[in-house]
Each structure stands twice: as structure tokens, then as C-alpha cells.
Amino acid sequence: MSFPISAGLLDSMVLSVVEKGDTYGYEITQYLRKAVDVSESTLYPVLRRLQKNNMLDTYDREYMGRNRRYYHITESGTLALDDYRDQWTQHKRKVDSILMNGGSADETA
């Protein structure tokens, strides 16, 4: 069974990968595939949206005679990622309180 990935969760995962260092789309896809089923055709609109929202910058660099587009997280992207991480922690705690602890009242706060 797999769980659907929301746009916000995918955005946060991409920002987290790029936070580790500048990288390119194919490499981001391969890293994300360790956790979720994502294709390059799904990833590139996410990268464009994050760039449009000033969370990522891009630059091109030659690689084996071709240009490769690299992504770099911006200050706005880092702030958004911090917020995503806080929201994820709260969401995960709530889901875990039900899924892992049977909805124990003392685990839902």
C-alpha cells in the first residue's frame, strides 16, 4: 500500500534535498524515489513552481557537452522548509497518536 503525496509534502521533500547542496532534476528524482514513487514528469513542474515562488534559484553548467540545470535553495526556500518541517512534526505526531497508539488521549496534544 502506498499513501498519496500532497503538493506541500512533495515541495518540502524537494527543498530538503536541495538544501543539502545544489543539484539537478534527475538526481533529485532518484533521491526522492527512495521514499516515494515520483517521476521526472511530476518533479519538473514542482521545481518550476518552487522557482516561481522564489524558493529555488537555477543556474546552468556544462556537463559532457550539454547544459545541466542546477537548483539552489534560496533564503525564502529555507524559511519555507523550516515551516514545512514544523508542520510535518505536528501532523506526524497527530497521525502517530492514532495509528501507532490507538488514539490514546494523552498522545494527541
PDB file of N, CA and C in Angstrom:
ATOM      1  N   MET A   1       0.845  -1.180   0.000  1.00  0.00           N
ATOM      2  CA  MET A   1       0.000   0.000   0.000  1.00  0.00           C
ATOM      3  C   MET A   1       0.882   1.231   0.000  1.00  0.00           C
ATOM      4  N   SER A   2       0.474   2.229  -0.766  1.00  0.00           N
ATOM      5  CA  SER A   2       1.212   3.485  -0.738  1.00  0.00           C
ATOM      6  C   SER A   2       0.243   4.614  -0.407  1.00  0.00           C
ATOM      7  N   PHE A   3       0.786   5.633   0.191  1.00  0.00           N
ATOM      8  CA  PHE A   3      -0.017   6.785   0.584  1.00  0.00           C
ATOM      9  C   PHE A   3       0.202   7.910  -0.414  1.00  0.00           C
ATOM     10  N   PRO A   4      -0.848   8.649  -0.754  1.00  0.00           N
ATOM     11  CA  PRO A   4      -0.678   9.758  -1.697  1.00  0.00           C
ATOM     12  C   PRO A   4       0.191  10.858  -1.085  1.00  0.00           C
ATOM     13  N   ILE A   5       0.935  11.514  -1.942  1.00  0.00           N
ATOM     14  CA  ILE A   5       1.825  12.589  -1.517  1.00  0.00           C
ATOM     15  C   ILE A   5       1.187  13.906  -1.940  1.00  0.00           C
ATOM     16  N   SER A   6       0.973  14.801  -0.998  1.00  0.00           N
ATOM     17  CA  SER A   6       0.390  16.106  -1.305  1.00  0.00           C
ATOM     18  C   SER A   6       1.445  17.011  -1.935  1.00  0.00           C
ATOM     19  N   ALA A   7       0.978  18.064  -2.574  1.00  0.00           N
ATOM     20  CA  ALA A   7       1.898  19.026  -3.189  1.00  0.00           C
ATOM     21  C   ALA A   7       2.817  19.635  -2.135  1.00  0.00           C
ATOM     22  N   GLY A   8       2.266  19.976  -0.974  1.00  0.00           N
ATOM     23  CA  GLY A   8       3.082  20.572   0.085  1.00  0.00           C
ATOM     24  C   GLY A   8       4.167  19.634   0.582  1.00  0.00           C
ATOM     25  N   LEU A   9       3.830  18.363   0.714  1.00  0.00           N
ATOM     26  CA  LEU A   9       4.817  17.393   1.173  1.00  0.00           C
ATOM     27  C   LEU A   9       5.901  17.197   0.120  1.00  0.00           C
ATOM     28  N   LEU A  10       5.511  17.139  -1.144  1.00  0.00           N
ATOM     29  CA  LEU A  10       6.497  16.997  -2.207  1.00  0.00           C
ATOM     30  C   LEU A  10       7.397  18.236  -2.278  1.00  0.00           C
ATOM     31  N   ASP A  11       6.805  19.424  -2.158  1.00  0.00           N
ATOM     32  CA  ASP A  11       7.609  20.653  -2.123  1.00  0.00           C
ATOM     33  C   ASP A  11       8.639  20.590  -1.000  1.00  0.00           C
ATOM     34  N   SER A  12       8.193  20.182   0.178  1.00  0.00           N
ATOM     35  CA  SER A  12       9.099  20.144   1.322  1.00  0.00           C
ATOM     36  C   SER A  12      10.205  19.117   1.122  1.00  0.00           C
ATOM     37  N   MET A  13       9.891  17.996   0.507  1.00  0.00           N
ATOM     38  CA  MET A  13      10.908  16.972   0.261  1.00  0.00           C
ATOM     39  C   MET A  13      11.936  17.464  -0.755  1.00  0.00           C
ATOM     40  N   VAL A  14      11.477  18.144  -1.792  1.00  0.00           N
ATOM     41  CA  VAL A  14      12.405  18.694  -2.796  1.00  0.00           C
ATOM     42  C   VAL A  14      13.304  19.741  -2.151  1.00  0.00           C
ATOM     43  N   LEU A  15      12.723  20.653  -1.388  1.00  0.00           N
ATOM     44  CA  LEU A  15      13.531  21.674  -0.719  1.00  0.00           C
ATOM     45  C   LEU A  15      14.563  21.041   0.211  1.00  0.00           C
ATOM     46  N   SER A  16      14.174  19.982   0.881  1.00  0.00           N
ATOM     47  CA  SER A  16      15.092  19.308   1.791  1.00  0.00           C
ATOM     48  C   SER A  16      16.272  18.685   1.042  1.00  0.00           C
ATOM     49  N   VAL A  17      16.007  18.101  -0.120  1.00  0.00           N
ATOM     50  CA  VAL A  17      17.082  17.518  -0.931  1.00  0.00           C
ATOM     51  C   VAL A  17      18.029  18.617  -1.410  1.00  0.00           C
ATOM     52  N   VAL A  18      17.464  19.702  -1.916  1.00  0.00           N
ATOM     53  CA  VAL A  18      18.291  20.781  -2.458  1.00  0.00           C
ATOM     54  C   VAL A  18      19.039  21.522  -1.344  1.00  0.00           C
ATOM     55  N   GLU A  19      18.486  21.521  -0.147  1.00  0.00           N
ATOM     56  CA  GLU A  19      19.159  22.164   0.984  1.00  0.00           C
ATOM     57  C   GLU A  19      20.526  21.520   1.246  1.00  0.00           C
ATOM     58  N   LYS A  20      20.656  20.245   0.968  1.00  0.00           N
ATOM     59  CA  LYS A  20      21.908  19.525   1.212  1.00  0.00           C
ATOM     60  C   LYS A  20      23.014  19.958   0.256  1.00  0.00           C
ATOM     61  N   GLY A  21      22.641  20.577  -0.854  1.00  0.00           N
ATOM     62  CA  GLY A  21      23.611  21.054  -1.834  1.00  0.00           C
ATOM     63  C   GLY A  21      22.966  21.188  -3.193  1.00  0.00           C
ATOM     64  N   ASP A  22      23.510  22.081  -4.003  1.00  0.00           N
ATOM     65  CA  ASP A  22      22.976  22.305  -5.337  1.00  0.00           C
ATOM     66  C   ASP A  22      22.965  20.988  -6.110  1.00  0.00           C
ATOM     67  N   THR A  23      21.889  20.779  -6.839  1.00  0.00           N
ATOM     68  CA  THR A  23      21.739  19.525  -7.570  1.00  0.00           C
ATOM     69  C   THR A  23      20.818  19.734  -8.766  1.00  0.00           C
ATOM     70  N   TYR A  24      20.657  18.726  -9.575  1.00  0.00           N
ATOM     71  CA  TYR A  24      19.856  18.808 -10.798  1.00  0.00           C
ATOM     72  C   TYR A  24      18.667  17.851 -10.716  1.00  0.00           C
ATOM     73  N   GLY A  25      17.725  18.043 -11.619  1.00  0.00           N
ATOM     74  CA  GLY A  25      16.444  17.351 -11.557  1.00  0.00           C
ATOM     75  C   GLY A  25      16.515  15.839 -11.486  1.00  0.00           C
ATOM     76  N   TYR A  26      17.301  15.219 -12.351  1.00  0.00           N
ATOM     77  CA  TYR A  26      17.368  13.759 -12.358  1.00  0.00           C
ATOM     78  C   TYR A  26      17.874  13.240 -11.018  1.00  0.00           C
ATOM     79  N   GLU A  27      18.876  13.895 -10.471  1.00  0.00           N
ATOM     80  CA  GLU A  27      19.429  13.467  -9.185  1.00  0.00           C
ATOM     81  C   GLU A  27      18.392  13.621  -8.061  1.00  0.00           C
ATOM     82  N   ILE A  28      17.625  14.697  -8.103  1.00  0.00           N
ATOM     83  CA  ILE A  28      16.565  14.904  -7.106  1.00  0.00           C
ATOM     84  C   ILE A  28      15.541  13.773  -7.209  1.00  0.00           C
ATOM     85  N   THR A  29      15.139  13.440  -8.447  1.00  0.00           N
ATOM     86  CA  THR A  29      14.170  12.362  -8.658  1.00  0.00           C
ATOM     87  C   THR A  29      14.678  11.054  -8.073  1.00  0.00           C
ATOM     88  N   GLN A  30      15.927  10.719  -8.358  1.00  0.00           N
ATOM     89  CA  GLN A  30      16.491   9.462  -7.863  1.00  0.00           C
ATOM     90  C   GLN A  30      16.520   9.427  -6.337  1.00  0.00           C
ATOM     91  N   TYR A  31      16.826  10.540  -5.721  1.00  0.00           N
ATOM     92  CA  TYR A  31      16.861  10.600  -4.258  1.00  0.00           C
ATOM     93  C   TYR A  31      15.455  10.423  -3.685  1.00  0.00           C
ATOM     94  N   LEU A  32      14.475  11.121  -4.262  1.00  0.00           N
ATOM     95  CA  LEU A  32      13.103  11.036  -3.768  1.00  0.00           C
ATOM     96  C   LEU A  32      12.513   9.640  -3.944  1.00  0.00           C
ATOM     97  N   ARG A  33      12.930   8.941  -4.981  1.00  0.00           N
ATOM     98  CA  ARG A  33      12.406   7.602  -5.241  1.00  0.00           C
ATOM     99  C   ARG A  33      12.755   6.608  -4.136  1.00  0.00           C
ATOM    100  N   LYS A  34      13.676   6.957  -3.275  1.00  0.00           N
ATOM    101  CA  LYS A  34      13.989   6.102  -2.129  1.00  0.00           C
ATOM    102  C   LYS A  34      12.813   6.057  -1.155  1.00  0.00           C
ATOM    103  N   ALA A  35      11.955   7.099  -1.208  1.00  0.00           N
ATOM    104  CA  ALA A  35      10.844   7.192  -0.260  1.00  0.00           C
ATOM    105  C   ALA A  35       9.470   7.199  -0.919  1.00  0.00           C
ATOM    106  N   VAL A  36       9.365   7.786  -2.115  1.00  0.00           N
ATOM    107  CA  VAL A  36       8.059   7.930  -2.766  1.00  0.00           C
ATOM    108  C   VAL A  36       8.184   7.608  -4.250  1.00  0.00           C
ATOM    109  N   ASP A  37       7.064   7.241  -4.841  1.00  0.00           N
ATOM    110  CA  ASP A  37       7.022   6.962  -6.271  1.00  0.00           C
ATOM    111  C   ASP A  37       6.810   8.280  -7.005  1.00  0.00           C
ATOM    112  N   VAL A  38       7.881   8.822  -7.575  1.00  0.00           N
ATOM    113  CA  VAL A  38       7.804  10.105  -8.273  1.00  0.00           C
ATOM    114  C   VAL A  38       8.572   9.991  -9.590  1.00  0.00           C
ATOM    115  N   SER A  39       8.005  10.575 -10.633  1.00  0.00           N
ATOM    116  CA  SER A  39       8.650  10.563 -11.943  1.00  0.00           C
ATOM    117  C   SER A  39       9.220  11.945 -12.234  1.00  0.00           C
ATOM    118  N   GLU A  40      10.102  11.998 -13.225  1.00  0.00           N
ATOM    119  CA  GLU A  40      10.652  13.292 -13.625  1.00  0.00           C
ATOM    120  C   GLU A  40       9.540  14.204 -14.135  1.00  0.00           C
ATOM    121  N   SER A  41       8.547  13.644 -14.810  1.00  0.00           N
ATOM    122  CA  SER A  41       7.450  14.467 -15.329  1.00  0.00           C
ATOM    123  C   SER A  41       6.619  15.070 -14.199  1.00  0.00           C
ATOM    124  N   THR A  42       6.631  14.451 -13.033  1.00  0.00           N
ATOM    125  CA  THR A  42       5.966  15.008 -11.854  1.00  0.00           C
ATOM    126  C   THR A  42       6.865  16.047 -11.197  1.00  0.00           C
ATOM    127  N   LEU A  43       8.157  15.786 -11.191  1.00  0.00           N
ATOM    128  CA  LEU A  43       9.094  16.642 -10.464  1.00  0.00           C
ATOM    129  C   LEU A  43       9.300  18.006 -11.115  1.00  0.00           C
ATOM    130  N   TYR A  44       9.429  18.064 -12.429  1.00  0.00           N
ATOM    131  CA  TYR A  44       9.789  19.333 -13.073  1.00  0.00           C
ATOM    132  C   TYR A  44       8.763  20.445 -12.863  1.00  0.00           C
ATOM    133  N   PRO A  45       7.451  20.169 -12.888  1.00  0.00           N
ATOM    134  CA  PRO A  45       6.508  21.242 -12.530  1.00  0.00           C
ATOM    135  C   PRO A  45       6.686  21.721 -11.085  1.00  0.00           C
ATOM    136  N   VAL A  46       7.052  20.825 -10.183  1.00  0.00           N
ATOM    137  CA  VAL A  46       7.314  21.199  -8.788  1.00  0.00           C
ATOM    138  C   VAL A  46       8.515  22.136  -8.734  1.00  0.00           C
ATOM    139  N   LEU A  47       9.574  21.784  -9.447  1.00  0.00           N
ATOM    140  CA  LEU A  47      10.767  22.632  -9.468  1.00  0.00           C
ATOM    141  C   LEU A  47      10.451  24.009 -10.044  1.00  0.00           C
ATOM    142  N   ARG A  48       9.664  24.062 -11.121  1.00  0.00           N
ATOM    143  CA  ARG A  48       9.287  25.359 -11.704  1.00  0.00           C
ATOM    144  C   ARG A  48       8.450  26.184 -10.728  1.00  0.00           C
ATOM    145  N   ARG A  49       7.518  25.534 -10.023  1.00  0.00           N
ATOM    146  CA  ARG A  49       6.685  26.252  -9.050  1.00  0.00           C
ATOM    147  C   ARG A  49       7.540  26.815  -7.924  1.00  0.00           C
ATOM    148  N   LEU A  50       8.456  26.009  -7.412  1.00  0.00           N
ATOM    149  CA  LEU A  50       9.333  26.473  -6.334  1.00  0.00           C
ATOM    150  C   LEU A  50      10.223  27.618  -6.807  1.00  0.00           C
ATOM    151  N   GLN A  51      10.663  27.549  -8.048  1.00  0.00           N
ATOM    152  CA  GLN A  51      11.463  28.638  -8.604  1.00  0.00           C
ATOM    153  C   GLN A  51      10.607  29.896  -8.766  1.00  0.00           C
ATOM    154  N   LYS A  52       9.389  29.742  -9.280  1.00  0.00           N
ATOM    155  CA  LYS A  52       8.476  30.882  -9.462  1.00  0.00           C
ATOM    156  C   LYS A  52       8.158  31.548  -8.119  1.00  0.00           C
ATOM    157  N   ASN A  53       8.076  30.741  -7.064  1.00  0.00           N
ATOM    158  CA  ASN A  53       7.784  31.263  -5.723  1.00  0.00           C
ATOM    159  C   ASN A  53       9.037  31.693  -4.964  1.00  0.00           C
ATOM    160  N   ASN A  54      10.143  31.833  -5.689  1.00  0.00           N
ATOM    161  CA  ASN A  54      11.415  32.319  -5.138  1.00  0.00           C
ATOM    162  C   ASN A  54      11.982  31.438  -4.028  1.00  0.00           C
ATOM    163  N   MET A  55      11.677  30.155  -4.061  1.00  0.00           N
ATOM    164  CA  MET A  55      12.244  29.223  -3.088  1.00  0.00           C
ATOM    165  C   MET A  55      13.482  28.516  -3.631  1.00  0.00           C
ATOM    166  N   LEU A  56      13.600  28.504  -4.968  1.00  0.00           N
ATOM    167  CA  LEU A  56      14.767  27.931  -5.620  1.00  0.00           C
ATOM    168  C   LEU A  56      15.288  28.901  -6.667  1.00  0.00           C
ATOM    169  N   ASP A  57      16.605  28.934  -6.817  1.00  0.00           N
ATOM    170  CA  ASP A  57      17.269  29.607  -7.928  1.00  0.00           C
ATOM    171  C   ASP A  57      17.846  28.536  -8.831  1.00  0.00           C
ATOM    172  N   THR A  58      18.092  28.892 -10.080  1.00  0.00           N
ATOM    173  CA  THR A  58      18.697  27.942 -11.002  1.00  0.00           C
ATOM    174  C   THR A  58      19.910  28.565 -11.671  1.00  0.00           C
ATOM    175  N   TYR A  59      20.782  27.707 -12.124  1.00  0.00           N
ATOM    176  CA  TYR A  59      21.893  28.108 -12.992  1.00  0.00           C
ATOM    177  C   TYR A  59      22.257  26.903 -13.842  1.00  0.00           C
ATOM    178  N   ASP A  60      22.833  27.172 -14.989  1.00  0.00           N
ATOM    179  CA  ASP A  60      23.225  26.092 -15.893  1.00  0.00           C
ATOM    180  C   ASP A  60      24.731  25.915 -15.840  1.00  0.00           C
ATOM    181  N   ARG A  61      25.139  24.664 -15.978  1.00  0.00           N
ATOM    182  CA  ARG A  61      26.560  24.326 -16.007  1.00  0.00           C
ATOM    183  C   ARG A  61      26.744  23.230 -17.058  1.00  0.00           C
ATOM    184  N   GLU A  62      27.820  23.335 -17.804  1.00  0.00           N
ATOM    185  CA  GLU A  62      28.089  22.340 -18.835  1.00  0.00           C
ATOM    186  C   GLU A  62      28.498  21.015 -18.198  1.00  0.00           C
ATOM    187  N   TYR A  63      27.945  19.942 -18.748  1.00  0.00           N
ATOM    188  CA  TYR A  63      28.290  18.594 -18.311  1.00  0.00           C
ATOM    189  C   TYR A  63      28.330  17.704 -19.546  1.00  0.00           C
ATOM    190  N   MET A  64      29.486  17.190 -19.867  1.00  0.00           N
ATOM    191  CA  MET A  64      29.680  16.302 -21.018  1.00  0.00           C
ATOM    192  C   MET A  64      29.108  16.905 -22.305  1.00  0.00           C
ATOM    193  N   GLY A  65      29.404  18.188 -22.539  1.00  0.00           N
ATOM    194  CA  GLY A  65      28.994  18.858 -23.756  1.00  0.00           C
ATOM    195  C   GLY A  65      27.562  19.360 -23.786  1.00  0.00           C
ATOM    196  N   ARG A  66      26.829  19.170 -22.697  1.00  0.00           N
ATOM    197  CA  ARG A  66      25.440  19.633 -22.628  1.00  0.00           C
ATOM    198  C   ARG A  66      25.271  20.504 -21.400  1.00  0.00           C
ATOM    199  N   ASN A  67      24.263  21.348 -21.436  1.00  0.00           N
ATOM    200  CA  ASN A  67      23.951  22.155 -20.257  1.00  0.00           C
ATOM    201  C   ASN A  67      23.103  21.349 -19.295  1.00  0.00           C
ATOM    202  N   ARG A  68      23.421  21.473 -18.046  1.00  0.00           N
ATOM    203  CA  ARG A  68      22.636  20.825 -16.988  1.00  0.00           C
ATOM    204  C   ARG A  68      22.157  21.947 -16.070  1.00  0.00           C
ATOM    205  N   ARG A  69      20.863  21.939 -15.760  1.00  0.00           N
ATOM    206  CA  ARG A  69      20.289  22.961 -14.883  1.00  0.00           C
ATOM    207  C   ARG A  69      20.390  22.503 -13.432  1.00  0.00           C
ATOM    208  N   TYR A  70      21.004  23.341 -12.616  1.00  0.00           N
ATOM    209  CA  TYR A  70      21.159  23.067 -11.190  1.00  0.00           C
ATOM    210  C   TYR A  70      20.199  23.946 -10.399  1.00  0.00           C
ATOM    211  N   TYR A  71      19.785  23.424  -9.265  1.00  0.00           N
ATOM    212  CA  TYR A  71      18.864  24.124  -8.378  1.00  0.00           C
ATOM    213  C   TYR A  71      19.561  24.415  -7.070  1.00  0.00           C
ATOM    214  N   HIS A  72      19.297  25.614  -6.558  1.00  0.00           N
ATOM    215  CA  HIS A  72      19.900  26.094  -5.316  1.00  0.00           C
ATOM    216  C   HIS A  72      18.786  26.671  -4.452  1.00  0.00           C
ATOM    217  N   ILE A  73      18.742  26.296  -3.187  1.00  0.00           N
ATOM    218  CA  ILE A  73      17.696  26.807  -2.296  1.00  0.00           C
ATOM    219  C   ILE A  73      17.991  28.261  -1.918  1.00  0.00           C
ATOM    220  N   THR A  74      16.957  29.076  -1.899  1.00  0.00           N
ATOM    221  CA  THR A  74      17.086  30.488  -1.528  1.00  0.00           C
ATOM    222  C   THR A  74      16.802  30.662  -0.041  1.00  0.00           C
ATOM    223  N   GLU A  75      16.974  31.866   0.439  1.00  0.00           N
ATOM    224  CA  GLU A  75      16.635  32.157   1.835  1.00  0.00           C
ATOM    225  C   GLU A  75      15.142  31.932   2.075  1.00  0.00           C
ATOM    226  N   SER A  76      14.304  32.345   1.124  1.00  0.00           N
ATOM    227  CA  SER A  76      12.852  32.104   1.241  1.00  0.00           C
ATOM    228  C   SER A  76      12.548  30.613   1.270  1.00  0.00           C
ATOM    229  N   GLY A  77      13.282  29.837   0.476  1.00  0.00           N
ATOM    230  CA  GLY A  77      13.100  28.394   0.466  1.00  0.00           C
ATOM    231  C   GLY A  77      13.486  27.763   1.791  1.00  0.00           C
ATOM    232  N   THR A  78      14.560  28.263   2.386  1.00  0.00           N
ATOM    233  CA  THR A  78      14.994  27.746   3.687  1.00  0.00           C
ATOM    234  C   THR A  78      13.957  28.057   4.763  1.00  0.00           C
ATOM    235  N   LEU A  79      13.404  29.264   4.737  1.00  0.00           N
ATOM    236  CA  LEU A  79      12.361  29.633   5.704  1.00  0.00           C
ATOM    237  C   LEU A  79      11.111  28.770   5.503  1.00  0.00           C
ATOM    238  N   ALA A  80      10.733  28.565   4.244  1.00  0.00           N
ATOM    239  CA  ALA A  80       9.567  27.714   3.952  1.00  0.00           C
ATOM    240  C   ALA A  80       9.820  26.282   4.418  1.00  0.00           C
ATOM    241  N   LEU A  81      11.030  25.781   4.213  1.00  0.00           N
ATOM    242  CA  LEU A  81      11.364  24.424   4.629  1.00  0.00           C
ATOM    243  C   LEU A  81      11.275  24.286   6.144  1.00  0.00           C
ATOM    244  N   ASP A  82      11.742  25.286   6.866  1.00  0.00           N
ATOM    245  CA  ASP A  82      11.617  25.264   8.331  1.00  0.00           C
ATOM    246  C   ASP A  82      10.153  25.170   8.747  1.00  0.00           C
ATOM    247  N   ASP A  83       9.305  25.945   8.064  1.00  0.00           N
ATOM    248  CA  ASP A  83       7.868  25.920   8.360  1.00  0.00           C
ATOM    249  C   ASP A  83       7.268  24.559   8.007  1.00  0.00           C
ATOM    250  N   TYR A  84       7.626  24.013   6.850  1.00  0.00           N
ATOM    251  CA  TYR A  84       7.159  22.677   6.461  1.00  0.00           C
ATOM    252  C   TYR A  84       7.554  21.637   7.502  1.00  0.00           C
ATOM    253  N   ARG A  85       8.779  21.726   7.989  1.00  0.00           N
ATOM    254  CA  ARG A  85       9.248  20.749   8.977  1.00  0.00           C
ATOM    255  C   ARG A  85       8.455  20.849  10.273  1.00  0.00           C
ATOM    256  N   ASP A  86       8.158  22.071  10.705  1.00  0.00           N
ATOM    257  CA  ASP A  86       7.338  22.243  11.908  1.00  0.00           C
ATOM    258  C   ASP A  86       5.947  21.652  11.712  1.00  0.00           C
ATOM    259  N   GLN A  87       5.348  21.954  10.554  1.00  0.00           N
ATOM    260  CA  GLN A  87       4.013  21.424  10.263  1.00  0.00           C
ATOM    261  C   GLN A  87       4.027  19.900  10.178  1.00  0.00           C
ATOM    262  N   TRP A  88       5.075  19.344   9.563  1.00  0.00           N
ATOM    263  CA  TRP A  88       5.178  17.891   9.437  1.00  0.00           C
ATOM    264  C   TRP A  88       5.287  17.240  10.809  1.00  0.00           C
ATOM    265  N   THR A  89       6.087  17.820  11.685  1.00  0.00           N
ATOM    266  CA  THR A  89       6.257  17.271  13.031  1.00  0.00           C
ATOM    267  C   THR A  89       4.921  17.224  13.763  1.00  0.00           C
ATOM    268  N   GLN A  90       4.153  18.296  13.678  1.00  0.00           N
ATOM    269  CA  GLN A  90       2.842  18.339  14.328  1.00  0.00           C
ATOM    270  C   GLN A  90       1.888  17.318  13.691  1.00  0.00           C
ATOM    271  N   HIS A  91       1.864  17.265  12.363  1.00  0.00           N
ATOM    272  CA  HIS A  91       0.978  16.336  11.659  1.00  0.00           C
ATOM    273  C   HIS A  91       1.342  14.891  11.989  1.00  0.00           C
ATOM    274  N   LYS A  92       2.617  14.586  11.955  1.00  0.00           N
ATOM    275  CA  LYS A  92       3.080  13.225  12.234  1.00  0.00           C
ATOM    276  C   LYS A  92       2.726  12.813  13.661  1.00  0.00           C
ATOM    277  N   ARG A  93       2.869  13.717  14.590  1.00  0.00           N
ATOM    278  CA  ARG A  93       2.532  13.419  15.987  1.00  0.00           C
ATOM    279  C   ARG A  93       1.050  13.057  16.111  1.00  0.00           C
ATOM    280  N   LYS A  94       0.197  13.797  15.430  1.00  0.00           N
ATOM    281  CA  LYS A  94      -1.241  13.532  15.484  1.00  0.00           C
ATOM    282  C   LYS A  94      -1.594  12.199  14.829  1.00  0.00           C
ATOM    283  N   VAL A  95      -1.009  11.941  13.656  1.00  0.00           N
ATOM    284  CA  VAL A  95      -1.289  10.678  12.966  1.00  0.00           C
ATOM    285  C   VAL A  95      -0.757   9.511  13.790  1.00  0.00           C
ATOM    286  N   ASP A  96       0.456   9.644  14.312  1.00  0.00           N
ATOM    287  CA  ASP A  96       1.032   8.577  15.138  1.00  0.00           C
ATOM    288  C   ASP A  96       0.182   8.287  16.370  1.00  0.00           C
ATOM    289  N   SER A  97      -0.441   9.333  16.916  1.00  0.00           N
ATOM    290  CA  SER A  97      -1.251   9.111  18.114  1.00  0.00           C
ATOM    291  C   SER A  97      -2.416   8.176  17.830  1.00  0.00           C
ATOM    292  N   ILE A  98      -2.869   8.178  16.613  1.00  0.00           N
ATOM    293  CA  ILE A  98      -3.967   7.282  16.236  1.00  0.00           C
ATOM    294  C   ILE A  98      -3.419   5.969  15.679  1.00  0.00           C
ATOM    295  N   LEU A  99      -2.544   6.077  14.721  1.00  0.00           N
ATOM    296  CA  LEU A  99      -2.068   4.891  14.020  1.00  0.00           C
ATOM    297  C   LEU A  99      -1.197   3.994  14.889  1.00  0.00           C
ATOM    298  N   MET A 100      -0.354   4.575  15.711  1.00  0.00           N
ATOM    299  CA  MET A 100       0.600   3.791  16.489  1.00  0.00           C
ATOM    300  C   MET A 100       0.139   3.532  17.927  1.00  0.00           C
ATOM    301  N   ASN A 101      -0.749   4.387  18.424  1.00  0.00           N
ATOM    302  CA  ASN A 101      -1.129   4.279  19.828  1.00  0.00           C
ATOM    303  C   ASN A 101      -2.626   4.094  20.036  1.00  0.00           C
ATOM    304  N   GLY A 102      -3.343   3.814  18.992  1.00  0.00           N
ATOM    305  CA  GLY A 102      -4.775   3.578  19.118  1.00  0.00           C
ATOM    306  C   GLY A 102      -5.577   4.763  19.593  1.00  0.00           C
ATOM    307  N   GLY A 103      -5.081   5.978  19.347  1.00  0.00           N
ATOM    308  CA  GLY A 103      -5.827   7.179  19.718  1.00  0.00           C
ATOM    309  C   GLY A 103      -5.793   7.506  21.182  1.00  0.00           C
ATOM    310  N   SER A 104      -4.772   7.093  21.887  1.00  0.00           N
ATOM    311  CA  SER A 104      -4.627   7.398  23.296  1.00  0.00           C
ATOM    312  C   SER A 104      -4.737   8.900  23.527  1.00  0.00           C
ATOM    313  N   ALA A 105      -5.595   9.308  24.439  1.00  0.00           N
ATOM    314  CA  ALA A 105      -5.873  10.723  24.682  1.00  0.00           C
ATOM    315  C   ALA A 105      -4.621  11.525  25.046  1.00  0.00           C
ATOM    316  N   ASP A 106      -3.692  10.924  25.754  1.00  0.00           N
ATOM    317  CA  ASP A 106      -2.509  11.668  26.182  1.00  0.00           C
ATOM    318  C   ASP A 106      -1.496  11.850  25.066  1.00  0.00           C
ATOM    319  N   GLU A 107      -1.706  11.240  23.901  1.00  0.00           N
ATOM    320  CA  GLU A 107      -0.765  11.348  22.776  1.00  0.00           C
ATOM    321  C   GLU A 107      -1.248  12.353  21.717  1.00  0.00           C
ATOM    322  N   THR A 108      -2.433  12.942  21.855  1.00  0.00           N
ATOM    323  CA  THR A 108      -2.981  13.774  20.803  1.00  0.00           C
ATOM    324  C   THR A 108      -2.640  15.243  20.944  1.00  0.00           C
ATOM    325  N   ALA A 109      -2.033  15.648  22.018  1.00  0.00           N
ATOM    326  CA  ALA A 109      -1.727  17.076  22.221  1.00  0.00           C
ATOM    327  C   ALA A 109      -0.595  17.524  21.352  1.00  0.00           C
TER     328      ALA A 109
END
